[in-house]
Amino acid sequence: MIPLELFDNLCSYFLRPSPDVDIEADLWDVIADQLSSKLD
C-alpha cells in the first residue's frame, strides 16, 4: 500500500506529463523522496 499523495504524484508524472521541465524535475524529486521513505 502506498499513500494517496504518492499515487497521485506518480499518476501526475507518468500519465499527465507537463510541458514544463522544471515542474517535472521537482515532481520527480518529490516522488523519489516518497518512494525512499516507503522503502525505508
Full PDB file with SEQRES, HELIX, SHEET, SSBOND, CRYST1, ORIGX, SCALE, CONECT and MASTER records, all heavy atoms in Angstrom:
SEQRES   1 A   40  MET ILE PRO LEU GLU LEU PHE ASP ASN LEU CYS SER TYR          
SEQRES   2 A   40  PHE LEU ARG PRO SER PRO ASP VAL ASP ILE GLU ALA ASP          
SEQRES   3 A   40  LEU TRP ASP VAL ILE ALA ASP GLN LEU SER SER LYS LEU          
SEQRES   4 A   40  ASP                                                          
HELIX    1 AA1 LEU A    4  LEU A   15  1                                  12    
HELIX    2 AA2 VAL A   21  LEU A   39  1                                  19    
CRYST1    1.000    1.000    1.000  90.00  90.00  90.00 P 1           1          
ORIGX1      1.000000  0.000000  0.000000        0.00000                         
ORIGX2      0.000000  1.000000  0.000000        0.00000                         
ORIGX3      0.000000  0.000000  1.000000        0.00000                         
SCALE1      1.000000  0.000000  0.000000        0.00000                         
SCALE2      0.000000  1.000000  0.000000        0.00000                         
SCALE3      0.000000  0.000000  1.000000        0.00000                         
ATOM      1  N   MET A   1       0.851  -1.188   0.000  1.00  0.00           N  
ATOM      2  CA  MET A   1       0.000   0.000   0.000  1.00  0.00           C  
ATOM      3  C   MET A   1       0.887   1.238   0.000  1.00  0.00           C  
ATOM      4  O   MET A   1       1.901   1.282   0.690  1.00  0.00           O  
ATOM      5  CB  MET A   1      -0.903  -0.003   1.224  1.00  0.00           C  
ATOM      6  CG  MET A   1      -1.906  -1.134   1.211  1.00  0.00           C  
ATOM      7  SD  MET A   1      -2.952  -1.191   2.669  1.00  0.00           S  
ATOM      8  CE  MET A   1      -3.764   0.382   2.572  1.00  0.00           C  
ATOM      9  N   ILE A   2       0.492   2.231  -0.795  1.00  0.00           N  
ATOM     10  CA  ILE A   2       1.211   3.496  -0.820  1.00  0.00           C  
ATOM     11  C   ILE A   2       0.241   4.611  -0.460  1.00  0.00           C  
ATOM     12  O   ILE A   2      -0.965   4.484  -0.678  1.00  0.00           O  
ATOM     13  CB  ILE A   2       1.878   3.771  -2.189  1.00  0.00           C  
ATOM     14  CG1 ILE A   2       0.837   3.878  -3.308  1.00  0.00           C  
ATOM     15  CG2 ILE A   2       2.928   2.729  -2.502  1.00  0.00           C  
ATOM     16  CD1 ILE A   2       1.406   4.352  -4.626  1.00  0.00           C  
ATOM     17  N   PRO A   3       0.764   5.695   0.077  1.00  0.00           N  
ATOM     18  CA  PRO A   3      -0.107   6.831   0.398  1.00  0.00           C  
ATOM     19  C   PRO A   3      -0.752   7.402  -0.869  1.00  0.00           C  
ATOM     20  O   PRO A   3      -0.175   7.352  -1.965  1.00  0.00           O  
ATOM     21  CB  PRO A   3       0.837   7.854   1.028  1.00  0.00           C  
ATOM     22  CG  PRO A   3       2.030   7.074   1.464  1.00  0.00           C  
ATOM     23  CD  PRO A   3       2.140   5.920   0.511  1.00  0.00           C  
ATOM     24  N   LEU A   4      -1.927   7.951  -0.706  1.00  0.00           N  
ATOM     25  CA  LEU A   4      -2.666   8.535  -1.821  1.00  0.00           C  
ATOM     26  C   LEU A   4      -1.859   9.648  -2.495  1.00  0.00           C  
ATOM     27  O   LEU A   4      -1.857   9.769  -3.714  1.00  0.00           O  
ATOM     28  CB  LEU A   4      -4.015   9.076  -1.336  1.00  0.00           C  
ATOM     29  CG  LEU A   4      -4.908   9.684  -2.399  1.00  0.00           C  
ATOM     30  CD1 LEU A   4      -5.236   8.676  -3.487  1.00  0.00           C  
ATOM     31  CD2 LEU A   4      -6.194  10.204  -1.765  1.00  0.00           C  
ATOM     32  N   GLU A   5      -1.155  10.436  -1.711  1.00  0.00           N  
ATOM     33  CA  GLU A   5      -0.349  11.532  -2.273  1.00  0.00           C  
ATOM     34  C   GLU A   5       0.724  10.994  -3.220  1.00  0.00           C  
ATOM     35  O   GLU A   5       0.950  11.552  -4.298  1.00  0.00           O  
ATOM     36  CB  GLU A   5       0.287  12.337  -1.146  1.00  0.00           C  
ATOM     37  CG  GLU A   5       1.118  13.499  -1.639  1.00  0.00           C  
ATOM     38  CD  GLU A   5       1.807  14.254  -0.507  1.00  0.00           C  
ATOM     39  OE1 GLU A   5       1.729  13.833   0.655  1.00  0.00           O  
ATOM     40  OE2 GLU A   5       2.424  15.276  -0.822  1.00  0.00           O  
ATOM     41  N   LEU A   6       1.375   9.906  -2.835  1.00  0.00           N  
ATOM     42  CA  LEU A   6       2.393   9.308  -3.706  1.00  0.00           C  
ATOM     43  C   LEU A   6       1.749   8.775  -4.980  1.00  0.00           C  
ATOM     44  O   LEU A   6       2.272   8.979  -6.087  1.00  0.00           O  
ATOM     45  CB  LEU A   6       3.130   8.189  -2.973  1.00  0.00           C  
ATOM     46  CG  LEU A   6       4.126   7.369  -3.790  1.00  0.00           C  
ATOM     47  CD1 LEU A   6       5.168   8.257  -4.452  1.00  0.00           C  
ATOM     48  CD2 LEU A   6       4.778   6.316  -2.919  1.00  0.00           C  
ATOM     49  N   PHE A   7       0.619   8.106  -4.865  1.00  0.00           N  
ATOM     50  CA  PHE A   7      -0.086   7.599  -6.042  1.00  0.00           C  
ATOM     51  C   PHE A   7      -0.465   8.741  -6.978  1.00  0.00           C  
ATOM     52  O   PHE A   7      -0.271   8.654  -8.196  1.00  0.00           O  
ATOM     53  CB  PHE A   7      -1.333   6.825  -5.613  1.00  0.00           C  
ATOM     54  CG  PHE A   7      -2.115   6.265  -6.765  1.00  0.00           C  
ATOM     55  CD1 PHE A   7      -1.662   5.156  -7.454  1.00  0.00           C  
ATOM     56  CD2 PHE A   7      -3.299   6.864  -7.160  1.00  0.00           C  
ATOM     57  CE1 PHE A   7      -2.376   4.643  -8.524  1.00  0.00           C  
ATOM     58  CE2 PHE A   7      -4.023   6.360  -8.225  1.00  0.00           C  
ATOM     59  CZ  PHE A   7      -3.560   5.244  -8.905  1.00  0.00           C  
ATOM     60  N   ASP A   8      -0.978   9.817  -6.415  1.00  0.00           N  
ATOM     61  CA  ASP A   8      -1.356  10.988  -7.220  1.00  0.00           C  
ATOM     62  C   ASP A   8      -0.136  11.585  -7.921  1.00  0.00           C  
ATOM     63  O   ASP A   8      -0.199  11.943  -9.104  1.00  0.00           O  
ATOM     64  CB  ASP A   8      -2.036  12.030  -6.340  1.00  0.00           C  
ATOM     65  CG  ASP A   8      -2.571  13.193  -7.142  1.00  0.00           C  
ATOM     66  OD1 ASP A   8      -3.159  12.954  -8.213  1.00  0.00           O  
ATOM     67  OD2 ASP A   8      -2.393  14.351  -6.692  1.00  0.00           O  
ATOM     68  N   ASN A   9       0.973  11.687  -7.206  1.00  0.00           N  
ATOM     69  CA  ASN A   9       2.198  12.226  -7.814  1.00  0.00           C  
ATOM     70  C   ASN A   9       2.696  11.332  -8.947  1.00  0.00           C  
ATOM     71  O   ASN A   9       3.134  11.825  -9.989  1.00  0.00           O  
ATOM     72  CB  ASN A   9       3.286  12.403  -6.766  1.00  0.00           C  
ATOM     73  CG  ASN A   9       3.022  13.563  -5.845  1.00  0.00           C  
ATOM     74  OD1 ASN A   9       2.270  14.474  -6.177  1.00  0.00           O  
ATOM     75  ND2 ASN A   9       3.609  13.539  -4.667  1.00  0.00           N  
ATOM     76  N   LEU A  10       2.637  10.014  -8.750  1.00  0.00           N  
ATOM     77  CA  LEU A  10       3.051   9.090  -9.805  1.00  0.00           C  
ATOM     78  C   LEU A  10       2.158   9.223 -11.038  1.00  0.00           C  
ATOM     79  O   LEU A  10       2.654   9.253 -12.173  1.00  0.00           O  
ATOM     80  CB  LEU A  10       3.032   7.651  -9.294  1.00  0.00           C  
ATOM     81  CG  LEU A  10       4.150   7.276  -8.321  1.00  0.00           C  
ATOM     82  CD1 LEU A  10       3.842   5.947  -7.646  1.00  0.00           C  
ATOM     83  CD2 LEU A  10       5.483   7.220  -9.032  1.00  0.00           C  
ATOM     84  N   CYS A  11       0.861   9.305 -10.809  1.00  0.00           N  
ATOM     85  CA  CYS A  11      -0.062   9.487 -11.934  1.00  0.00           C  
ATOM     86  C   CYS A  11       0.196  10.807 -12.644  1.00  0.00           C  
ATOM     87  O   CYS A  11       0.201  10.861 -13.883  1.00  0.00           O  
ATOM     88  CB  CYS A  11      -1.510   9.428 -11.447  1.00  0.00           C  
ATOM     89  SG  CYS A  11      -2.026   7.769 -10.979  1.00  0.00           S  
ATOM     90  N   SER A  12       0.415  11.859 -11.876  1.00  0.00           N  
ATOM     91  CA  SER A  12       0.677  13.163 -12.483  1.00  0.00           C  
ATOM     92  C   SER A  12       1.943  13.130 -13.327  1.00  0.00           C  
ATOM     93  O   SER A  12       1.998  13.710 -14.410  1.00  0.00           O  
ATOM     94  CB  SER A  12       0.827  14.237 -11.400  1.00  0.00           C  
ATOM     95  OG  SER A  12      -0.380  14.436 -10.731  1.00  0.00           O  
ATOM     96  N   TYR A  13       2.953  12.450 -12.836  1.00  0.00           N  
ATOM     97  CA  TYR A  13       4.226  12.421 -13.548  1.00  0.00           C  
ATOM     98  C   TYR A  13       4.150  11.571 -14.812  1.00  0.00           C  
ATOM     99  O   TYR A  13       4.628  11.970 -15.868  1.00  0.00           O  
ATOM    100  CB  TYR A  13       5.326  11.889 -12.634  1.00  0.00           C  
ATOM    101  CG  TYR A  13       6.693  11.981 -13.261  1.00  0.00           C  
ATOM    102  CD1 TYR A  13       7.407  13.169 -13.248  1.00  0.00           C  
ATOM    103  CD2 TYR A  13       7.260  10.875 -13.888  1.00  0.00           C  
ATOM    104  CE1 TYR A  13       8.650  13.260 -13.838  1.00  0.00           C  
ATOM    105  CE2 TYR A  13       8.505  10.956 -14.479  1.00  0.00           C  
ATOM    106  CZ  TYR A  13       9.201  12.154 -14.451  1.00  0.00           C  
ATOM    107  OH  TYR A  13      10.435  12.230 -15.034  1.00  0.00           O  
ATOM    108  N   PHE A  14       3.559  10.382 -14.702  1.00  0.00           N  
ATOM    109  CA  PHE A  14       3.585   9.452 -15.825  1.00  0.00           C  
ATOM    110  C   PHE A  14       2.388   9.557 -16.766  1.00  0.00           C  
ATOM    111  O   PHE A  14       2.506   9.243 -17.951  1.00  0.00           O  
ATOM    112  CB  PHE A  14       3.704   8.008 -15.322  1.00  0.00           C  
ATOM    113  CG  PHE A  14       5.061   7.705 -14.776  1.00  0.00           C  
ATOM    114  CD1 PHE A  14       5.258   7.596 -13.410  1.00  0.00           C  
ATOM    115  CD2 PHE A  14       6.150   7.550 -15.615  1.00  0.00           C  
ATOM    116  CE1 PHE A  14       6.514   7.323 -12.896  1.00  0.00           C  
ATOM    117  CE2 PHE A  14       7.408   7.284 -15.109  1.00  0.00           C  
ATOM    118  CZ  PHE A  14       7.597   7.175 -13.746  1.00  0.00           C  
ATOM    119  N   LEU A  15       1.246   9.967 -16.266  1.00  0.00           N  
ATOM    120  CA  LEU A  15       0.048   9.964 -17.107  1.00  0.00           C  
ATOM    121  C   LEU A  15      -0.331  11.342 -17.634  1.00  0.00           C  
ATOM    122  O   LEU A  15      -1.025  11.454 -18.632  1.00  0.00           O  
ATOM    123  CB  LEU A  15      -1.133   9.371 -16.342  1.00  0.00           C  
ATOM    124  CG  LEU A  15      -0.925   7.937 -15.860  1.00  0.00           C  
ATOM    125  CD1 LEU A  15      -2.135   7.467 -15.075  1.00  0.00           C  
ATOM    126  CD2 LEU A  15      -0.651   7.012 -17.029  1.00  0.00           C  
ATOM    127  N   ARG A  16       0.089  12.376 -16.931  1.00  0.00           N  
ATOM    128  CA  ARG A  16      -0.218  13.741 -17.378  1.00  0.00           C  
ATOM    129  C   ARG A  16       1.067  14.546 -17.428  1.00  0.00           C  
ATOM    130  O   ARG A  16       1.290  15.441 -16.613  1.00  0.00           O  
ATOM    131  CB  ARG A  16      -1.196  14.402 -16.402  1.00  0.00           C  
ATOM    132  CG  ARG A  16      -2.543  13.711 -16.355  1.00  0.00           C  
ATOM    133  CD  ARG A  16      -3.385  14.339 -15.313  1.00  0.00           C  
ATOM    134  NE  ARG A  16      -2.833  13.910 -14.018  1.00  0.00           N  
ATOM    135  CZ  ARG A  16      -3.504  13.896 -12.894  1.00  0.00           C  
ATOM    136  NH1 ARG A  16      -4.718  14.324 -12.848  1.00  0.00           N  
ATOM    137  NH2 ARG A  16      -2.959  13.483 -11.772  1.00  0.00           N  
ATOM    138  N   PRO A  17       1.938  14.206 -18.345  1.00  0.00           N  
ATOM    139  CA  PRO A  17       3.221  14.917 -18.379  1.00  0.00           C  
ATOM    140  C   PRO A  17       3.038  16.406 -18.641  1.00  0.00           C  
ATOM    141  O   PRO A  17       2.218  16.809 -19.448  1.00  0.00           O  
ATOM    142  CB  PRO A  17       3.988  14.243 -19.514  1.00  0.00           C  
ATOM    143  CG  PRO A  17       2.979  13.522 -20.301  1.00  0.00           C  
ATOM    144  CD  PRO A  17       1.801  13.249 -19.408  1.00  0.00           C  
ATOM    145  N   SER A  18       3.775  17.163 -17.917  1.00  0.00           N  
ATOM    146  CA  SER A  18       3.723  18.612 -18.040  1.00  0.00           C  
ATOM    147  C   SER A  18       4.747  19.066 -19.077  1.00  0.00           C  
ATOM    148  O   SER A  18       5.845  18.524 -19.156  1.00  0.00           O  
ATOM    149  CB  SER A  18       4.049  19.238 -16.682  1.00  0.00           C  
ATOM    150  OG  SER A  18       4.227  20.616 -16.816  1.00  0.00           O  
ATOM    151  N   PRO A  19       4.404  20.081 -19.861  1.00  0.00           N  
ATOM    152  CA  PRO A  19       5.396  20.595 -20.815  1.00  0.00           C  
ATOM    153  C   PRO A  19       6.535  21.348 -20.116  1.00  0.00           C  
ATOM    154  O   PRO A  19       7.567  21.595 -20.714  1.00  0.00           O  
ATOM    155  CB  PRO A  19       4.581  21.536 -21.700  1.00  0.00           C  
ATOM    156  CG  PRO A  19       3.389  21.902 -20.898  1.00  0.00           C  
ATOM    157  CD  PRO A  19       3.122  20.753 -19.970  1.00  0.00           C  
ATOM    158  N   ASP A  20       6.333  21.672 -18.854  1.00  0.00           N  
ATOM    159  CA  ASP A  20       7.343  22.411 -18.100  1.00  0.00           C  
ATOM    160  C   ASP A  20       8.335  21.431 -17.467  1.00  0.00           C  
ATOM    161  O   ASP A  20       8.001  20.678 -16.560  1.00  0.00           O  
ATOM    162  CB  ASP A  20       6.664  23.254 -17.014  1.00  0.00           C  
ATOM    163  CG  ASP A  20       7.626  24.189 -16.307  1.00  0.00           C  
ATOM    164  OD1 ASP A  20       8.848  24.090 -16.553  1.00  0.00           O  
ATOM    165  OD2 ASP A  20       7.154  25.008 -15.507  1.00  0.00           O  
ATOM    166  N   VAL A  21       9.562  21.443 -17.946  1.00  0.00           N  
ATOM    167  CA  VAL A  21      10.586  20.516 -17.480  1.00  0.00           C  
ATOM    168  C   VAL A  21      10.910  20.747 -16.009  1.00  0.00           C  
ATOM    169  O   VAL A  21      11.167  19.795 -15.262  1.00  0.00           O  
ATOM    170  CB  VAL A  21      11.857  20.643 -18.352  1.00  0.00           C  
ATOM    171  CG1 VAL A  21      12.977  19.781 -17.810  1.00  0.00           C  
ATOM    172  CG2 VAL A  21      11.547  20.290 -19.787  1.00  0.00           C  
ATOM    173  N   ASP A  22      10.891  21.986 -15.538  1.00  0.00           N  
ATOM    174  CA  ASP A  22      11.194  22.288 -14.140  1.00  0.00           C  
ATOM    175  C   ASP A  22      10.170  21.662 -13.203  1.00  0.00           C  
ATOM    176  O   ASP A  22      10.525  21.138 -12.149  1.00  0.00           O  
ATOM    177  CB  ASP A  22      11.261  23.799 -13.901  1.00  0.00           C  
ATOM    178  CG  ASP A  22      12.474  24.435 -14.576  1.00  0.00           C  
ATOM    179  OD1 ASP A  22      13.470  23.722 -14.779  1.00  0.00           O  
ATOM    180  OD2 ASP A  22      12.402  25.642 -14.891  1.00  0.00           O  
ATOM    181  N   ILE A  23       8.899  21.703 -13.575  1.00  0.00           N  
ATOM    182  CA  ILE A  23       7.855  21.105 -12.747  1.00  0.00           C  
ATOM    183  C   ILE A  23       8.035  19.593 -12.704  1.00  0.00           C  
ATOM    184  O   ILE A  23       7.918  18.973 -11.647  1.00  0.00           O  
ATOM    185  CB  ILE A  23       6.449  21.486 -13.265  1.00  0.00           C  
ATOM    186  CG1 ILE A  23       6.199  22.974 -13.029  1.00  0.00           C  
ATOM    187  CG2 ILE A  23       5.370  20.641 -12.597  1.00  0.00           C  
ATOM    188  CD1 ILE A  23       4.909  23.488 -13.610  1.00  0.00           C  
ATOM    189  N   GLU A  24       8.358  18.992 -13.844  1.00  0.00           N  
ATOM    190  CA  GLU A  24       8.582  17.551 -13.881  1.00  0.00           C  
ATOM    191  C   GLU A  24       9.776  17.157 -13.021  1.00  0.00           C  
ATOM    192  O   GLU A  24       9.726  16.157 -12.313  1.00  0.00           O  
ATOM    193  CB  GLU A  24       8.785  17.066 -15.311  1.00  0.00           C  
ATOM    194  CG  GLU A  24       7.504  16.960 -16.093  1.00  0.00           C  
ATOM    195  CD  GLU A  24       7.700  16.280 -17.433  1.00  0.00           C  
ATOM    196  OE1 GLU A  24       8.789  15.729 -17.695  1.00  0.00           O  
ATOM    197  OE2 GLU A  24       6.746  16.299 -18.219  1.00  0.00           O  
ATOM    198  N   ALA A  25      10.833  17.932 -13.060  1.00  0.00           N  
ATOM    199  CA  ALA A  25      12.018  17.636 -12.253  1.00  0.00           C  
ATOM    200  C   ALA A  25      11.693  17.747 -10.771  1.00  0.00           C  
ATOM    201  O   ALA A  25      12.110  16.904  -9.970  1.00  0.00           O  
ATOM    202  CB  ALA A  25      13.158  18.570 -12.625  1.00  0.00           C  
ATOM    203  N   ASP A  26      10.945  18.783 -10.394  1.00  0.00           N  
ATOM    204  CA  ASP A  26      10.552  18.946  -8.992  1.00  0.00           C  
ATOM    205  C   ASP A  26       9.651  17.807  -8.542  1.00  0.00           C  
ATOM    206  O   ASP A  26       9.805  17.271  -7.439  1.00  0.00           O  
ATOM    207  CB  ASP A  26       9.839  20.286  -8.776  1.00  0.00           C  
ATOM    208  CG  ASP A  26      10.769  21.475  -8.933  1.00  0.00           C  
ATOM    209  OD1 ASP A  26      12.006  21.290  -8.831  1.00  0.00           O  
ATOM    210  OD2 ASP A  26      10.258  22.593  -9.158  1.00  0.00           O  
ATOM    211  N   LEU A  27       8.706  17.425  -9.393  1.00  0.00           N  
ATOM    212  CA  LEU A  27       7.796  16.333  -9.070  1.00  0.00           C  
ATOM    213  C   LEU A  27       8.565  15.030  -8.943  1.00  0.00           C  
ATOM    214  O   LEU A  27       8.301  14.217  -8.064  1.00  0.00           O  
ATOM    215  CB  LEU A  27       6.690  16.220 -10.122  1.00  0.00           C  
ATOM    216  CG  LEU A  27       5.574  15.226  -9.849  1.00  0.00           C  
ATOM    217  CD1 LEU A  27       4.898  15.515  -8.509  1.00  0.00           C  
ATOM    218  CD2 LEU A  27       4.556  15.261 -10.972  1.00  0.00           C  
ATOM    219  N   TRP A  28       9.547  14.833  -9.824  1.00  0.00           N  
ATOM    220  CA  TRP A  28      10.363  13.626  -9.740  1.00  0.00           C  
ATOM    221  C   TRP A  28      11.112  13.573  -8.409  1.00  0.00           C  
ATOM    222  O   TRP A  28      11.206  12.495  -7.799  1.00  0.00           O  
ATOM    223  CB  TRP A  28      11.346  13.559 -10.906  1.00  0.00           C  
ATOM    224  CG  TRP A  28      12.201  12.334 -10.830  1.00  0.00           C  
ATOM    225  CD1 TRP A  28      13.506  12.266 -10.491  1.00  0.00           C  
ATOM    226  CD2 TRP A  28      11.770  10.989 -11.040  1.00  0.00           C  
ATOM    227  NE1 TRP A  28      13.933  10.961 -10.493  1.00  0.00           N  
ATOM    228  CE2 TRP A  28      12.874  10.161 -10.828  1.00  0.00           C  
ATOM    229  CE3 TRP A  28      10.552  10.416 -11.389  1.00  0.00           C  
ATOM    230  CZ2 TRP A  28      12.816   8.778 -10.954  1.00  0.00           C  
ATOM    231  CZ3 TRP A  28      10.491   9.035 -11.512  1.00  0.00           C  
ATOM    232  CH2 TRP A  28      11.608   8.234 -11.296  1.00  0.00           C  
ATOM    233  N   ASP A  29      11.629  14.696  -7.931  1.00  0.00           N  
ATOM    234  CA  ASP A  29      12.321  14.729  -6.642  1.00  0.00           C  
ATOM    235  C   ASP A  29      11.369  14.363  -5.504  1.00  0.00           C  
ATOM    236  O   ASP A  29      11.740  13.620  -4.592  1.00  0.00           O  
ATOM    237  CB  ASP A  29      12.929  16.106  -6.385  1.00  0.00           C  
ATOM    238  CG  ASP A  29      14.102  16.408  -7.316  1.00  0.00           C  
ATOM    239  OD1 ASP A  29      14.692  15.456  -7.864  1.00  0.00           O  
ATOM    240  OD2 ASP A  29      14.424  17.598  -7.486  1.00  0.00           O  
ATOM    241  N   VAL A  30      10.157  14.867  -5.555  1.00  0.00           N  
ATOM    242  CA  VAL A  30       9.157  14.552  -4.524  1.00  0.00           C  
ATOM    243  C   VAL A  30       8.834  13.062  -4.550  1.00  0.00           C  
ATOM    244  O   VAL A  30       8.785  12.404  -3.506  1.00  0.00           O  
ATOM    245  CB  VAL A  30       7.876  15.396  -4.729  1.00  0.00           C  
ATOM    246  CG1 VAL A  30       6.742  14.907  -3.847  1.00  0.00           C  
ATOM    247  CG2 VAL A  30       8.157  16.867  -4.469  1.00  0.00           C  
ATOM    248  N   ILE A  31       8.627  12.514  -5.744  1.00  0.00           N  
ATOM    249  CA  ILE A  31       8.321  11.084  -5.880  1.00  0.00           C  
ATOM    250  C   ILE A  31       9.479  10.246  -5.354  1.00  0.00           C  
ATOM    251  O   ILE A  31       9.271   9.266  -4.630  1.00  0.00           O  
ATOM    252  CB  ILE A  31       7.999  10.734  -7.349  1.00  0.00           C  
ATOM    253  CG1 ILE A  31       6.670  11.364  -7.750  1.00  0.00           C  
ATOM    254  CG2 ILE A  31       7.981   9.229  -7.566  1.00  0.00           C  
ATOM    255  CD1 ILE A  31       6.369  11.276  -9.238  1.00  0.00           C  
ATOM    256  N   ALA A  32      10.697  10.606  -5.704  1.00  0.00           N  
ATOM    257  CA  ALA A  32      11.867   9.858  -5.251  1.00  0.00           C  
ATOM    258  C   ALA A  32      11.954   9.868  -3.729  1.00  0.00           C  
ATOM    259  O   ALA A  32      12.241   8.832  -3.110  1.00  0.00           O  
ATOM    260  CB  ALA A  32      13.133  10.434  -5.864  1.00  0.00           C  
ATOM    261  N   ASP A  33      11.705  11.009  -3.097  1.00  0.00           N  
ATOM    262  CA  ASP A  33      11.718  11.098  -1.633  1.00  0.00           C  
ATOM    263  C   ASP A  33      10.624  10.237  -1.013  1.00  0.00           C  
ATOM    264  O   ASP A  33      10.854   9.539  -0.022  1.00  0.00           O  
ATOM    265  CB  ASP A  33      11.546  12.547  -1.169  1.00  0.00           C  
ATOM    266  CG  ASP A  33      12.760  13.406  -1.460  1.00  0.00           C  
ATOM    267  OD1 ASP A  33      13.855  12.843  -1.710  1.00  0.00           O  
ATOM    268  OD2 ASP A  33      12.618  14.649  -1.442  1.00  0.00           O  
ATOM    269  N   GLN A  34       9.419  10.273  -1.599  1.00  0.00           N  
ATOM    270  CA  GLN A  34       8.313   9.490  -1.069  1.00  0.00           C  
ATOM    271  C   GLN A  34       8.566   7.991  -1.231  1.00  0.00           C  
ATOM    272  O   GLN A  34       8.284   7.206  -0.323  1.00  0.00           O  
ATOM    273  CB  GLN A  34       7.002   9.882  -1.756  1.00  0.00           C  
ATOM    274  CG  GLN A  34       6.528  11.270  -1.378  1.00  0.00           C  
ATOM    275  CD  GLN A  34       5.341  11.728  -2.204  1.00  0.00           C  
ATOM    276  OE1 GLN A  34       5.178  11.352  -3.364  1.00  0.00           O  
ATOM    277  NE2 GLN A  34       4.499  12.553  -1.601  1.00  0.00           N  
ATOM    278  N   LEU A  35       9.111   7.584  -2.362  1.00  0.00           N  
ATOM    279  CA  LEU A  35       9.424   6.170  -2.566  1.00  0.00           C  
ATOM    280  C   LEU A  35      10.534   5.708  -1.637  1.00  0.00           C  
ATOM    281  O   LEU A  35      10.494   4.596  -1.101  1.00  0.00           O  
ATOM    282  CB  LEU A  35       9.806   5.911  -4.026  1.00  0.00           C  
ATOM    283  CG  LEU A  35       8.669   5.928  -5.032  1.00  0.00           C  
ATOM    284  CD1 LEU A  35       9.217   5.822  -6.452  1.00  0.00           C  
ATOM    285  CD2 LEU A  35       7.674   4.814  -4.762  1.00  0.00           C  
ATOM    286  N   SER A  36      11.513   6.545  -1.422  1.00  0.00           N  
ATOM    287  CA  SER A  36      12.586   6.216  -0.499  1.00  0.00           C  
ATOM    288  C   SER A  36      12.053   6.037   0.916  1.00  0.00           C  
ATOM    289  O   SER A  36      12.437   5.100   1.625  1.00  0.00           O  
ATOM    290  CB  SER A  36      13.656   7.307  -0.534  1.00  0.00           C  
ATOM    291  OG  SER A  36      14.670   7.024   0.379  1.00  0.00           O  
ATOM    292  N   SER A  37      11.164   6.918   1.309  1.00  0.00           N  
ATOM    293  CA  SER A  37      10.544   6.815   2.626  1.00  0.00           C  
ATOM    294  C   SER A  37       9.743   5.528   2.760  1.00  0.00           C  
ATOM    295  O   SER A  37       9.797   4.842   3.788  1.00  0.00           O  
ATOM    296  CB  SER A  37       9.647   8.029   2.866  1.00  0.00           C  
ATOM    297  OG  SER A  37       8.972   7.923   4.074  1.00  0.00           O  
ATOM    298  N   LYS A  38       9.001   5.169   1.717  1.00  0.00           N  
ATOM    299  CA  LYS A  38       8.211   3.936   1.732  1.00  0.00           C  
ATOM    300  C   LYS A  38       9.120   2.722   1.809  1.00  0.00           C  
ATOM    301  O   LYS A  38       8.855   1.777   2.553  1.00  0.00           O  
ATOM    302  CB  LYS A  38       7.325   3.868   0.480  1.00  0.00           C  
ATOM    303  CG  LYS A  38       6.460   2.638   0.405  1.00  0.00           C  
ATOM    304  CD  LYS A  38       5.475   2.584   1.550  1.00  0.00           C  
ATOM    305  CE  LYS A  38       4.592   1.360   1.446  1.00  0.00           C  
ATOM    306  NZ  LYS A  38       3.638   1.279   2.548  1.00  0.00           N  
ATOM    307  N   LEU A  39      10.208   2.730   1.061  1.00  0.00           N  
ATOM    308  CA  LEU A  39      11.147   1.615   1.092  1.00  0.00           C  
ATOM    309  C   LEU A  39      11.763   1.463   2.477  1.00  0.00           C  
ATOM    310  O   LEU A  39      11.885   0.343   2.990  1.00  0.00           O  
ATOM    311  CB  LEU A  39      12.234   1.800   0.034  1.00  0.00           C  
ATOM    312  CG  LEU A  39      13.248   0.675  -0.083  1.00  0.00           C  
ATOM    313  CD1 LEU A  39      12.563  -0.636  -0.440  1.00  0.00           C  
ATOM    314  CD2 LEU A  39      14.291   1.022  -1.121  1.00  0.00           C  
ATOM    315  N   ASP A  40      12.142   2.561   3.104  1.00  0.00           N  
ATOM    316  CA  ASP A  40      12.682   2.514   4.471  1.00  0.00           C  
ATOM    317  C   ASP A  40      11.672   1.908   5.438  1.00  0.00           C  
ATOM    318  O   ASP A  40      12.025   1.088   6.288  1.00  0.00           O  
ATOM    319  CB  ASP A  40      13.082   3.912   4.944  1.00  0.00           C  
ATOM    320  CG  ASP A  40      14.300   4.457   4.220  1.00  0.00           C  
ATOM    321  OD1 ASP A  40      15.022   3.672   3.571  1.00  0.00           O  
ATOM    322  OD2 ASP A  40      14.522   5.680   4.293  1.00  0.00           O  
TER     323      ASP A  40                                                      
MASTER        0    0    0    2    0    0    0    6  322    1    0    4          
END                                                                             
